Amino acid sequence: MQDNQPVSVQDNIQDNAEQGKPNLFQVIWSVIAALFGVQSGKNRERDFKKGKAGDYILVYVVLVVAMVLGMVVTVNMVLDAASK
């Protein structure tokens, strides 16, 4: 007998993650959540069991560099606007 209930995209992503390593979107989301301190225990466990450390380190470095550059640009824009 076949189940005709629609499968959501989130359920499909979760099923894929349970079968293998996390995809790029899941790695990015996990790093962002960890940066803000809101990582769930379920995702943290998935990351440590099935993820590769190099993937998370690379995404972390890229996100931190982007965040620092964003702050530098924002501060320079504010200082330029204040000096005029």
PDB file of N, CA and C in Angstrom:
ATOM      1  N   MET A   1       0.852  -1.174   0.000  1.00  0.00           N
ATOM      2  CA  MET A   1       0.000   0.000   0.000  1.00  0.00           C
ATOM      3  C   MET A   1       0.897   1.236   0.000  1.00  0.00           C
ATOM      4  N   GLN A   2       0.555   2.211  -0.793  1.00  0.00           N
ATOM      5  CA  GLN A   2       1.379   3.403  -0.968  1.00  0.00           C
ATOM      6  C   GLN A   2       0.782   4.566  -0.191  1.00  0.00           C
ATOM      7  N   ASP A   3       1.663   5.321   0.468  1.00  0.00           N
ATOM      8  CA  ASP A   3       1.243   6.485   1.239  1.00  0.00           C
ATOM      9  C   ASP A   3       1.214   7.692   0.309  1.00  0.00           C
ATOM     10  N   ASN A   4       0.067   8.346   0.173  1.00  0.00           N
ATOM     11  CA  ASN A   4      -0.086   9.460  -0.766  1.00  0.00           C
ATOM     12  C   ASN A   4       0.062  10.821  -0.107  1.00  0.00           C
ATOM     13  N   GLN A   5       0.602  10.884   1.106  1.00  0.00           N
ATOM     14  CA  GLN A   5       0.782  12.169   1.762  1.00  0.00           C
ATOM     15  C   GLN A   5       1.969  12.895   1.143  1.00  0.00           C
ATOM     16  N   PRO A   6       1.826  14.211   0.925  1.00  0.00           N
ATOM     17  CA  PRO A   6       2.940  14.967   0.342  1.00  0.00           C
ATOM     18  C   PRO A   6       4.114  15.052   1.320  1.00  0.00           C
ATOM     19  N   VAL A   7       5.305  15.015   0.772  1.00  0.00           N
ATOM     20  CA  VAL A   7       6.517  15.107   1.573  1.00  0.00           C
ATOM     21  C   VAL A   7       7.055  16.531   1.452  1.00  0.00           C
ATOM     22  N   SER A   8       7.282  17.170   2.577  1.00  0.00           N
ATOM     23  CA  SER A   8       7.792  18.541   2.541  1.00  0.00           C
ATOM     24  C   SER A   8       9.280  18.538   2.205  1.00  0.00           C
ATOM     25  N   VAL A   9       9.751  19.666   1.732  1.00  0.00           N
ATOM     26  CA  VAL A   9      11.165  19.800   1.383  1.00  0.00           C
ATOM     27  C   VAL A   9      12.022  19.625   2.631  1.00  0.00           C
ATOM     28  N   GLN A  10      11.580  20.172   3.760  1.00  0.00           N
ATOM     29  CA  GLN A  10      12.354  20.064   4.996  1.00  0.00           C
ATOM     30  C   GLN A  10      12.474  18.605   5.424  1.00  0.00           C
ATOM     31  N   ASP A  11      11.397  17.827   5.309  1.00  0.00           N
ATOM     32  CA  ASP A  11      11.461  16.409   5.642  1.00  0.00           C
ATOM     33  C   ASP A  11      12.431  15.681   4.729  1.00  0.00           C
ATOM     34  N   ASN A  12      12.418  16.042   3.447  1.00  0.00           N
ATOM     35  CA  ASN A  12      13.317  15.424   2.483  1.00  0.00           C
ATOM     36  C   ASN A  12      14.773  15.747   2.813  1.00  0.00           C
ATOM     37  N   ILE A  13      15.056  16.997   3.188  1.00  0.00           N
ATOM     38  CA  ILE A  13      16.414  17.398   3.561  1.00  0.00           C
ATOM     39  C   ILE A  13      16.850  16.648   4.811  1.00  0.00           C
ATOM     40  N   GLN A  14      15.957  16.531   5.789  1.00  0.00           N
ATOM     41  CA  GLN A  14      16.303  15.823   7.018  1.00  0.00           C
ATOM     42  C   GLN A  14      16.563  14.352   6.748  1.00  0.00           C
ATOM     43  N   ASP A  15      15.776  13.728   5.874  1.00  0.00           N
ATOM     44  CA  ASP A  15      15.990  12.329   5.534  1.00  0.00           C
ATOM     45  C   ASP A  15      17.341  12.140   4.860  1.00  0.00           C
ATOM     46  N   ASN A  16      17.709  13.051   3.947  1.00  0.00           N
ATOM     47  CA  ASN A  16      19.006  12.966   3.278  1.00  0.00           C
ATOM     48  C   ASN A  16      20.148  13.132   4.265  1.00  0.00           C
ATOM     49  N   ALA A  17      19.979  14.020   5.234  1.00  0.00           N
ATOM     50  CA  ALA A  17      21.037  14.257   6.210  1.00  0.00           C
ATOM     51  C   ALA A  17      21.218  13.043   7.118  1.00  0.00           C
ATOM     52  N   GLU A  18      20.119  12.356   7.428  1.00  0.00           N
ATOM     53  CA  GLU A  18      20.217  11.183   8.275  1.00  0.00           C
ATOM     54  C   GLU A  18      20.940  10.042   7.555  1.00  0.00           C
ATOM     55  N   GLN A  19      20.874  10.018   6.228  1.00  0.00           N
ATOM     56  CA  GLN A  19      21.497   8.954   5.463  1.00  0.00           C
ATOM     57  C   GLN A  19      22.982   9.190   5.251  1.00  0.00           C
ATOM     58  N   GLY A  20      23.424  10.431   5.111  1.00  0.00           N
ATOM     59  CA  GLY A  20      24.814  10.714   4.800  1.00  0.00           C
ATOM     60  C   GLY A  20      25.291  11.986   5.451  1.00  0.00           C
ATOM     61  N   LYS A  21      26.369  12.528   4.912  1.00  0.00           N
ATOM     62  CA  LYS A  21      26.932  13.747   5.488  1.00  0.00           C
ATOM     63  C   LYS A  21      26.040  14.944   5.181  1.00  0.00           C
ATOM     64  N   PRO A  22      26.112  15.975   6.028  1.00  0.00           N
ATOM     65  CA  PRO A  22      25.293  17.178   5.817  1.00  0.00           C
ATOM     66  C   PRO A  22      25.674  17.882   4.520  1.00  0.00           C
ATOM     67  N   ASN A  23      24.663  18.462   3.847  1.00  0.00           N
ATOM     68  CA  ASN A  23      24.941  19.204   2.617  1.00  0.00           C
ATOM     69  C   ASN A  23      25.445  20.609   2.958  1.00  0.00           C
ATOM     70  N   LEU A  24      25.827  21.353   1.931  1.00  0.00           N
ATOM     71  CA  LEU A  24      26.428  22.676   2.132  1.00  0.00           C
ATOM     72  C   LEU A  24      25.499  23.613   2.901  1.00  0.00           C
ATOM     73  N   PHE A  25      24.214  23.623   2.549  1.00  0.00           N
ATOM     74  CA  PHE A  25      23.267  24.492   3.244  1.00  0.00           C
ATOM     75  C   PHE A  25      23.204  24.157   4.732  1.00  0.00           C
ATOM     76  N   GLN A  26      23.198  22.879   5.067  1.00  0.00           N
ATOM     77  CA  GLN A  26      23.140  22.468   6.464  1.00  0.00           C
ATOM     78  C   GLN A  26      24.413  22.850   7.216  1.00  0.00           C
ATOM     79  N   VAL A  27      25.556  22.765   6.541  1.00  0.00           N
ATOM     80  CA  VAL A  27      26.814  23.165   7.165  1.00  0.00           C
ATOM     81  C   VAL A  27      26.797  24.670   7.445  1.00  0.00           C
ATOM     82  N   ILE A  28      26.379  25.453   6.457  1.00  0.00           N
ATOM     83  CA  ILE A  28      26.308  26.908   6.637  1.00  0.00           C
ATOM     84  C   ILE A  28      25.347  27.258   7.769  1.00  0.00           C
ATOM     85  N   TRP A  29      24.189  26.637   7.775  1.00  0.00           N
ATOM     86  CA  TRP A  29      23.193  26.913   8.809  1.00  0.00           C
ATOM     87  C   TRP A  29      23.717  26.530  10.189  1.00  0.00           C
ATOM     88  N   SER A  30      24.422  25.415  10.295  1.00  0.00           N
ATOM     89  CA  SER A  30      24.976  24.988  11.576  1.00  0.00           C
ATOM     90  C   SER A  30      26.029  25.960  12.078  1.00  0.00           C
ATOM     91  N   VAL A  31      26.871  26.457  11.182  1.00  0.00           N
ATOM     92  CA  VAL A  31      27.918  27.405  11.582  1.00  0.00           C
ATOM     93  C   VAL A  31      27.290  28.718  12.029  1.00  0.00           C
ATOM     94  N   ILE A  32      26.291  29.203  11.304  1.00  0.00           N
ATOM     95  CA  ILE A  32      25.614  30.443  11.698  1.00  0.00           C
ATOM     96  C   ILE A  32      24.947  30.270  13.061  1.00  0.00           C
ATOM     97  N   ALA A  33      24.264  29.158  13.258  1.00  0.00           N
ATOM     98  CA  ALA A  33      23.611  28.908  14.545  1.00  0.00           C
ATOM     99  C   ALA A  33      24.641  28.817  15.668  1.00  0.00           C
ATOM    100  N   ALA A  34      25.766  28.182  15.411  1.00  0.00           N
ATOM    101  CA  ALA A  34      26.811  28.070  16.432  1.00  0.00           C
ATOM    102  C   ALA A  34      27.432  29.428  16.739  1.00  0.00           C
ATOM    103  N   LEU A  35      27.602  30.279  15.724  1.00  0.00           N
ATOM    104  CA  LEU A  35      28.154  31.615  15.954  1.00  0.00           C
ATOM    105  C   LEU A  35      27.274  32.431  16.896  1.00  0.00           C
ATOM    106  N   PHE A  36      25.959  32.259  16.783  1.00  0.00           N
ATOM    107  CA  PHE A  36      25.037  33.004  17.633  1.00  0.00           C
ATOM    108  C   PHE A  36      24.653  32.240  18.897  1.00  0.00           C
ATOM    109  N   GLY A  37      25.160  31.006  19.047  1.00  0.00           N
ATOM    110  CA  GLY A  37      24.921  30.231  20.263  1.00  0.00           C
ATOM    111  C   GLY A  37      23.548  29.616  20.363  1.00  0.00           C
ATOM    112  N   VAL A  38      22.916  29.323  19.241  1.00  0.00           N
ATOM    113  CA  VAL A  38      21.569  28.763  19.270  1.00  0.00           C
ATOM    114  C   VAL A  38      21.489  27.404  18.557  1.00  0.00           C
ATOM    115  N   GLN A  39      22.601  26.711  18.466  1.00  0.00           N
ATOM    116  CA  GLN A  39      22.645  25.408  17.792  1.00  0.00           C
ATOM    117  C   GLN A  39      21.836  24.389  18.596  1.00  0.00           C
ATOM    118  N   SER A  40      20.986  23.618  17.920  1.00  0.00           N
ATOM    119  CA  SER A  40      20.196  22.605  18.608  1.00  0.00           C
ATOM    120  C   SER A  40      21.050  21.369  18.871  1.00  0.00           C
ATOM    121  N   GLY A  41      20.685  20.634  19.888  1.00  0.00           N
ATOM    122  CA  GLY A  41      21.422  19.421  20.232  1.00  0.00           C
ATOM    123  C   GLY A  41      21.372  18.385  19.123  1.00  0.00           C
ATOM    124  N   LYS A  42      20.237  18.306  18.456  1.00  0.00           N
ATOM    125  CA  LYS A  42      20.085  17.339  17.357  1.00  0.00           C
ATOM    126  C   LYS A  42      21.039  17.659  16.210  1.00  0.00           C
ATOM    127  N   ASN A  43      21.106  18.933  15.829  1.00  0.00           N
ATOM    128  CA  ASN A  43      22.010  19.328  14.741  1.00  0.00           C
ATOM    129  C   ASN A  43      23.466  19.196  15.149  1.00  0.00           C
ATOM    130  N   ARG A  44      23.782  19.534  16.380  1.00  0.00           N
ATOM    131  CA  ARG A  44      25.157  19.411  16.860  1.00  0.00           C
ATOM    132  C   ARG A  44      25.604  17.951  16.822  1.00  0.00           C
ATOM    133  N   GLU A  45      24.718  17.070  17.247  1.00  0.00           N
ATOM    134  CA  GLU A  45      25.036  15.642  17.222  1.00  0.00           C
ATOM    135  C   GLU A  45      25.242  15.155  15.785  1.00  0.00           C
ATOM    136  N   ARG A  46      24.384  15.601  14.866  1.00  0.00           N
ATOM    137  CA  ARG A  46      24.537  15.244  13.452  1.00  0.00           C
ATOM    138  C   ARG A  46      25.866  15.743  12.898  1.00  0.00           C
ATOM    139  N   ASP A  47      26.210  16.976  13.262  1.00  0.00           N
ATOM    140  CA  ASP A  47      27.446  17.569  12.763  1.00  0.00           C
ATOM    141  C   ASP A  47      28.667  16.786  13.232  1.00  0.00           C
ATOM    142  N   PHE A  48      28.685  16.396  14.495  1.00  0.00           N
ATOM    143  CA  PHE A  48      29.843  15.695  15.024  1.00  0.00           C
ATOM    144  C   PHE A  48      29.931  14.252  14.541  1.00  0.00           C
ATOM    145  N   LYS A  49      28.775  13.626  14.305  1.00  0.00           N
ATOM    146  CA  LYS A  49      28.793  12.223  13.884  1.00  0.00           C
ATOM    147  C   LYS A  49      29.033  12.057  12.386  1.00  0.00           C
ATOM    148  N   LYS A  50      28.449  12.910  11.570  1.00  0.00           N
ATOM    149  CA  LYS A  50      28.471  12.688  10.124  1.00  0.00           C
ATOM    150  C   LYS A  50      29.192  13.752   9.330  1.00  0.00           C
ATOM    151  N   GLY A  51      29.515  14.877   9.951  1.00  0.00           N
ATOM    152  CA  GLY A  51      30.159  15.971   9.227  1.00  0.00           C
ATOM    153  C   GLY A  51      31.673  15.865   9.257  1.00  0.00           C
ATOM    154  N   LYS A  52      32.308  16.568   8.314  1.00  0.00           N
ATOM    155  CA  LYS A  52      33.765  16.640   8.274  1.00  0.00           C
ATOM    156  C   LYS A  52      34.202  17.979   8.864  1.00  0.00           C
ATOM    157  N   ALA A  53      35.193  17.954   9.737  1.00  0.00           N
ATOM    158  CA  ALA A  53      35.640  19.168  10.421  1.00  0.00           C
ATOM    159  C   ALA A  53      36.116  20.220   9.427  1.00  0.00           C
ATOM    160  N   GLY A  54      36.784  19.806   8.370  1.00  0.00           N
ATOM    161  CA  GLY A  54      37.306  20.756   7.390  1.00  0.00           C
ATOM    162  C   GLY A  54      36.211  21.586   6.749  1.00  0.00           C
ATOM    163  N   ASP A  55      35.057  20.985   6.492  1.00  0.00           N
ATOM    164  CA  ASP A  55      33.928  21.713   5.907  1.00  0.00           C
ATOM    165  C   ASP A  55      33.468  22.835   6.834  1.00  0.00           C
ATOM    166  N   TYR A  56      33.348  22.514   8.111  1.00  0.00           N
ATOM    167  CA  TYR A  56      32.859  23.491   9.081  1.00  0.00           C
ATOM    168  C   TYR A  56      33.891  24.600   9.316  1.00  0.00           C
ATOM    169  N   ILE A  57      35.163  24.234   9.344  1.00  0.00           N
ATOM    170  CA  ILE A  57      36.214  25.230   9.543  1.00  0.00           C
ATOM    171  C   ILE A  57      36.254  26.205   8.374  1.00  0.00           C
ATOM    172  N   LEU A  58      36.168  25.687   7.157  1.00  0.00           N
ATOM    173  CA  LEU A  58      36.186  26.539   5.966  1.00  0.00           C
ATOM    174  C   LEU A  58      35.005  27.505   5.953  1.00  0.00           C
ATOM    175  N   VAL A  59      33.814  26.997   6.211  1.00  0.00           N
ATOM    176  CA  VAL A  59      32.619  27.852   6.228  1.00  0.00           C
ATOM    177  C   VAL A  59      32.730  28.877   7.356  1.00  0.00           C
ATOM    178  N   TYR A  60      33.240  28.466   8.509  1.00  0.00           N
ATOM    179  CA  TYR A  60      33.404  29.388   9.639  1.00  0.00           C
ATOM    180  C   TYR A  60      34.344  30.535   9.280  1.00  0.00           C
ATOM    181  N   VAL A  61      35.487  30.204   8.689  1.00  0.00           N
ATOM    182  CA  VAL A  61      36.461  31.245   8.325  1.00  0.00           C
ATOM    183  C   VAL A  61      35.862  32.208   7.312  1.00  0.00           C
ATOM    184  N   VAL A  62      35.186  31.690   6.301  1.00  0.00           N
ATOM    185  CA  VAL A  62      34.574  32.547   5.280  1.00  0.00           C
ATOM    186  C   VAL A  62      33.520  33.458   5.911  1.00  0.00           C
ATOM    187  N   LEU A  63      32.671  32.917   6.778  1.00  0.00           N
ATOM    188  CA  LEU A  63      31.623  33.725   7.403  1.00  0.00           C
ATOM    189  C   LEU A  63      32.201  34.789   8.335  1.00  0.00           C
ATOM    190  N   VAL A  64      33.235  34.453   9.085  1.00  0.00           N
ATOM    191  CA  VAL A  64      33.834  35.434   9.994  1.00  0.00           C
ATOM    192  C   VAL A  64      34.507  36.553   9.208  1.00  0.00           C
ATOM    193  N   VAL A  65      35.239  36.197   8.148  1.00  0.00           N
ATOM    194  CA  VAL A  65      35.880  37.221   7.310  1.00  0.00           C
ATOM    195  C   VAL A  65      34.819  38.127   6.688  1.00  0.00           C
ATOM    196  N   ALA A  66      33.732  37.546   6.187  1.00  0.00           N
ATOM    197  CA  ALA A  66      32.657  38.344   5.597  1.00  0.00           C
ATOM    198  C   ALA A  66      32.019  39.260   6.639  1.00  0.00           C
ATOM    199  N   MET A  67      31.849  38.760   7.855  1.00  0.00           N
ATOM    200  CA  MET A  67      31.244  39.573   8.906  1.00  0.00           C
ATOM    201  C   MET A  67      32.165  40.740   9.292  1.00  0.00           C
ATOM    202  N   VAL A  68      33.453  40.478   9.408  1.00  0.00           N
ATOM    203  CA  VAL A  68      34.404  41.538   9.757  1.00  0.00           C
ATOM    204  C   VAL A  68      34.462  42.581   8.639  1.00  0.00           C
ATOM    205  N   LEU A  69      34.535  42.131   7.391  1.00  0.00           N
ATOM    206  CA  LEU A  69      34.543  43.076   6.269  1.00  0.00           C
ATOM    207  C   LEU A  69      33.262  43.905   6.234  1.00  0.00           C
ATOM    208  N   GLY A  70      32.140  43.273   6.525  1.00  0.00           N
ATOM    209  CA  GLY A  70      30.874  43.995   6.586  1.00  0.00           C
ATOM    210  C   GLY A  70      30.870  45.062   7.652  1.00  0.00           C
ATOM    211  N   MET A  71      31.449  44.756   8.813  1.00  0.00           N
ATOM    212  CA  MET A  71      31.530  45.748   9.883  1.00  0.00           C
ATOM    213  C   MET A  71      32.464  46.896   9.506  1.00  0.00           C
ATOM    214  N   VAL A  72      33.583  46.589   8.881  1.00  0.00           N
ATOM    215  CA  VAL A  72      34.528  47.632   8.460  1.00  0.00           C
ATOM    216  C   VAL A  72      33.866  48.567   7.459  1.00  0.00           C
ATOM    217  N   VAL A  73      33.181  48.016   6.487  1.00  0.00           N
ATOM    218  CA  VAL A  73      32.499  48.831   5.478  1.00  0.00           C
ATOM    219  C   VAL A  73      31.424  49.692   6.134  1.00  0.00           C
ATOM    220  N   THR A  74      30.653  49.105   7.029  1.00  0.00           N
ATOM    221  CA  THR A  74      29.587  49.853   7.703  1.00  0.00           C
ATOM    222  C   THR A  74      30.155  51.000   8.538  1.00  0.00           C
ATOM    223  N   VAL A  75      31.207  50.747   9.309  1.00  0.00           N
ATOM    224  CA  VAL A  75      31.814  51.792  10.140  1.00  0.00           C
ATOM    225  C   VAL A  75      32.376  52.907   9.263  1.00  0.00           C
ATOM    226  N   ASN A  76      33.053  52.542   8.161  1.00  0.00           N
ATOM    227  CA  ASN A  76      33.592  53.563   7.268  1.00  0.00           C
ATOM    228  C   ASN A  76      32.487  54.407   6.642  1.00  0.00           C
ATOM    229  N   MET A  77      31.364  53.781   6.282  1.00  0.00           N
ATOM    230  CA  MET A  77      30.247  54.538   5.717  1.00  0.00           C
ATOM    231  C   MET A  77      29.676  55.508   6.744  1.00  0.00           C
ATOM    232  N   VAL A  78      29.530  55.059   7.986  1.00  0.00           N
ATOM    233  CA  VAL A  78      28.992  55.912   9.036  1.00  0.00           C
ATOM    234  C   VAL A  78      29.950  57.066   9.316  1.00  0.00           C
ATOM    235  N   LEU A  79      31.249  56.796   9.387  1.00  0.00           N
ATOM    236  CA  LEU A  79      32.226  57.852   9.639  1.00  0.00           C
ATOM    237  C   LEU A  79      32.261  58.872   8.508  1.00  0.00           C
ATOM    238  N   ASP A  80      32.154  58.401   7.256  1.00  0.00           N
ATOM    239  CA  ASP A  80      32.110  59.318   6.122  1.00  0.00           C
ATOM    240  C   ASP A  80      30.865  60.199   6.182  1.00  0.00           C
ATOM    241  N   ALA A  81      29.725  59.601   6.500  1.00  0.00           N
ATOM    242  CA  ALA A  81      28.483  60.352   6.585  1.00  0.00           C
ATOM    243  C   ALA A  81      28.520  61.359   7.741  1.00  0.00           C
ATOM    244  N   ALA A  82      29.167  61.000   8.839  1.00  0.00           N
ATOM    245  CA  ALA A  82      29.224  61.892   9.993  1.00  0.00           C
ATOM    246  C   ALA A  82      30.181  63.070   9.776  1.00  0.00           C
ATOM    247  N   SER A  83      31.174  62.876   8.947  1.00  0.00           N
ATOM    248  CA  SER A  83      32.166  63.933   8.735  1.00  0.00           C
ATOM    249  C   SER A  83      31.711  64.949   7.690  1.00  0.00           C
ATOM    250  N   LYS A  84      30.636  64.710   6.988  1.00  0.00           N
ATOM    251  CA  LYS A  84      30.165  65.642   5.944  1.00  0.00           C
ATOM    252  C   LYS A  84      29.197  66.646   6.485  1.00  0.00           C
TER     253      LYS A  84
END
